[in-house]
Amino acid sequence: MSDDGQRARSTIRDRLAAYDDIPRHPDSGDYADPRRREWKQYMLPETNAESVARCPLSERSRW
């Protein structure tokens, strides 16, 4: 990751820490990190005790 990218991520995480009452969710990670599932970062639950087990976007909508 570039230096600019690292600074941007740090700024975002600092702002989130000041905004949120709880620590960063354990499912949040870095883009393209093979140890993390990126889709989980877009569907973080309200508490850190919860985690999404499978991607809900893989299901077909029944609308």
C-alpha atoms as a PDB file:
ATOM      1  CA  MET A   1       0.000   0.000   0.000  1.00  0.00           C
ATOM      2  CA  SER A   2       1.191   3.503  -0.768  1.00  0.00           C
ATOM      3  CA  ASP A   3       2.098   6.047   1.892  1.00  0.00           C
ATOM      4  CA  ASP A   4      -0.911   8.152   0.865  1.00  0.00           C
ATOM      5  CA  GLY A   5      -3.172   5.129   1.231  1.00  0.00           C
ATOM      6  CA  GLN A   6      -1.820   4.379   4.693  1.00  0.00           C
ATOM      7  CA  ARG A   7      -2.343   7.987   5.784  1.00  0.00           C
ATOM      8  CA  ALA A   8      -5.902   7.986   4.444  1.00  0.00           C
ATOM      9  CA  ARG A   9      -6.723   4.731   6.245  1.00  0.00           C
ATOM     10  CA  SER A  10      -5.225   6.067   9.458  1.00  0.00           C
ATOM     11  CA  THR A  11      -7.255   9.289   9.192  1.00  0.00           C
ATOM     12  CA  ILE A  12     -10.475   7.351   8.601  1.00  0.00           C
ATOM     13  CA  ARG A  13      -9.852   4.982  11.505  1.00  0.00           C
ATOM     14  CA  ASP A  14      -8.964   7.869  13.826  1.00  0.00           C
ATOM     15  CA  ARG A  15     -12.208   9.629  12.914  1.00  0.00           C
ATOM     16  CA  LEU A  16     -14.232   6.461  13.417  1.00  0.00           C
ATOM     17  CA  ALA A  17     -12.616   5.912  16.824  1.00  0.00           C
ATOM     18  CA  ALA A  18     -13.656   9.441  17.852  1.00  0.00           C
ATOM     19  CA  TYR A  19     -17.202   8.864  16.527  1.00  0.00           C
ATOM     20  CA  ASP A  20     -17.998   5.326  17.680  1.00  0.00           C
ATOM     21  CA  ASP A  21     -18.531   4.218  21.269  1.00  0.00           C
ATOM     22  CA  ILE A  22     -17.016   0.794  20.581  1.00  0.00           C
ATOM     23  CA  PRO A  23     -13.664  -0.305  19.123  1.00  0.00           C
ATOM     24  CA  ARG A  24     -13.243  -1.103  15.440  1.00  0.00           C
ATOM     25  CA  HIS A  25     -15.097  -4.282  14.420  1.00  0.00           C
ATOM     26  CA  PRO A  26     -12.841  -7.357  14.191  1.00  0.00           C
ATOM     27  CA  ASP A  27     -14.093  -8.068  10.650  1.00  0.00           C
ATOM     28  CA  SER A  28     -12.756  -4.763   9.353  1.00  0.00           C
ATOM     29  CA  GLY A  29      -9.441  -5.016   7.605  1.00  0.00           C
ATOM     30  CA  ASP A  30      -7.380  -3.795   4.707  1.00  0.00           C
ATOM     31  CA  TYR A  31      -8.270  -3.909   1.024  1.00  0.00           C
ATOM     32  CA  ALA A  32      -6.885  -7.031  -0.687  1.00  0.00           C
ATOM     33  CA  ASP A  33      -5.803  -8.625   2.603  1.00  0.00           C
ATOM     34  CA  PRO A  34      -6.091 -12.360   1.890  1.00  0.00           C
ATOM     35  CA  ARG A  35      -6.895 -13.064   5.560  1.00  0.00           C
ATOM     36  CA  ARG A  36     -10.053 -10.915   5.461  1.00  0.00           C
ATOM     37  CA  ARG A  37     -13.258 -11.177   3.487  1.00  0.00           C
ATOM     38  CA  GLU A  38     -13.872  -7.759   1.996  1.00  0.00           C
ATOM     39  CA  TRP A  39     -17.638  -8.199   1.739  1.00  0.00           C
ATOM     40  CA  LYS A  40     -17.844  -8.437   5.542  1.00  0.00           C
ATOM     41  CA  GLN A  41     -16.509  -4.903   5.829  1.00  0.00           C
ATOM     42  CA  TYR A  42     -19.528  -3.565   3.935  1.00  0.00           C
ATOM     43  CA  MET A  43     -22.047  -5.267   6.219  1.00  0.00           C
ATOM     44  CA  LEU A  44     -20.724  -4.683   9.713  1.00  0.00           C
ATOM     45  CA  PRO A  45     -23.320  -5.249  12.443  1.00  0.00           C
ATOM     46  CA  GLU A  46     -24.012  -2.758  15.227  1.00  0.00           C
ATOM     47  CA  THR A  47     -21.990  -4.654  17.839  1.00  0.00           C
ATOM     48  CA  ASN A  48     -18.589  -6.313  17.801  1.00  0.00           C
ATOM     49  CA  ALA A  49     -20.091  -9.492  19.242  1.00  0.00           C
ATOM     50  CA  GLU A  50     -21.857 -10.261  15.972  1.00  0.00           C
ATOM     51  CA  SER A  51     -20.447 -11.283  12.627  1.00  0.00           C
ATOM     52  CA  VAL A  52     -22.071 -12.072   9.308  1.00  0.00           C
ATOM     53  CA  ALA A  53     -21.554 -15.771   8.581  1.00  0.00           C
ATOM     54  CA  ARG A  54     -22.030 -15.734   4.818  1.00  0.00           C
ATOM     55  CA  CYS A  55     -22.394 -13.139   2.127  1.00  0.00           C
ATOM     56  CA  PRO A  56     -26.073 -12.227   1.724  1.00  0.00           C
ATOM     57  CA  LEU A  57     -25.428 -10.925  -1.779  1.00  0.00           C
ATOM     58  CA  SER A  58     -24.839 -14.422  -3.089  1.00  0.00           C
ATOM     59  CA  GLU A  59     -28.548 -15.198  -2.595  1.00  0.00           C
ATOM     60  CA  ARG A  60     -30.926 -14.284  -5.397  1.00  0.00           C
ATOM     61  CA  SER A  61     -33.492 -11.693  -4.568  1.00  0.00           C
ATOM     62  CA  ARG A  62     -37.107 -12.881  -4.656  1.00  0.00           C
ATOM     63  CA  TRP A  63     -38.618  -9.520  -5.550  1.00  0.00           C
END
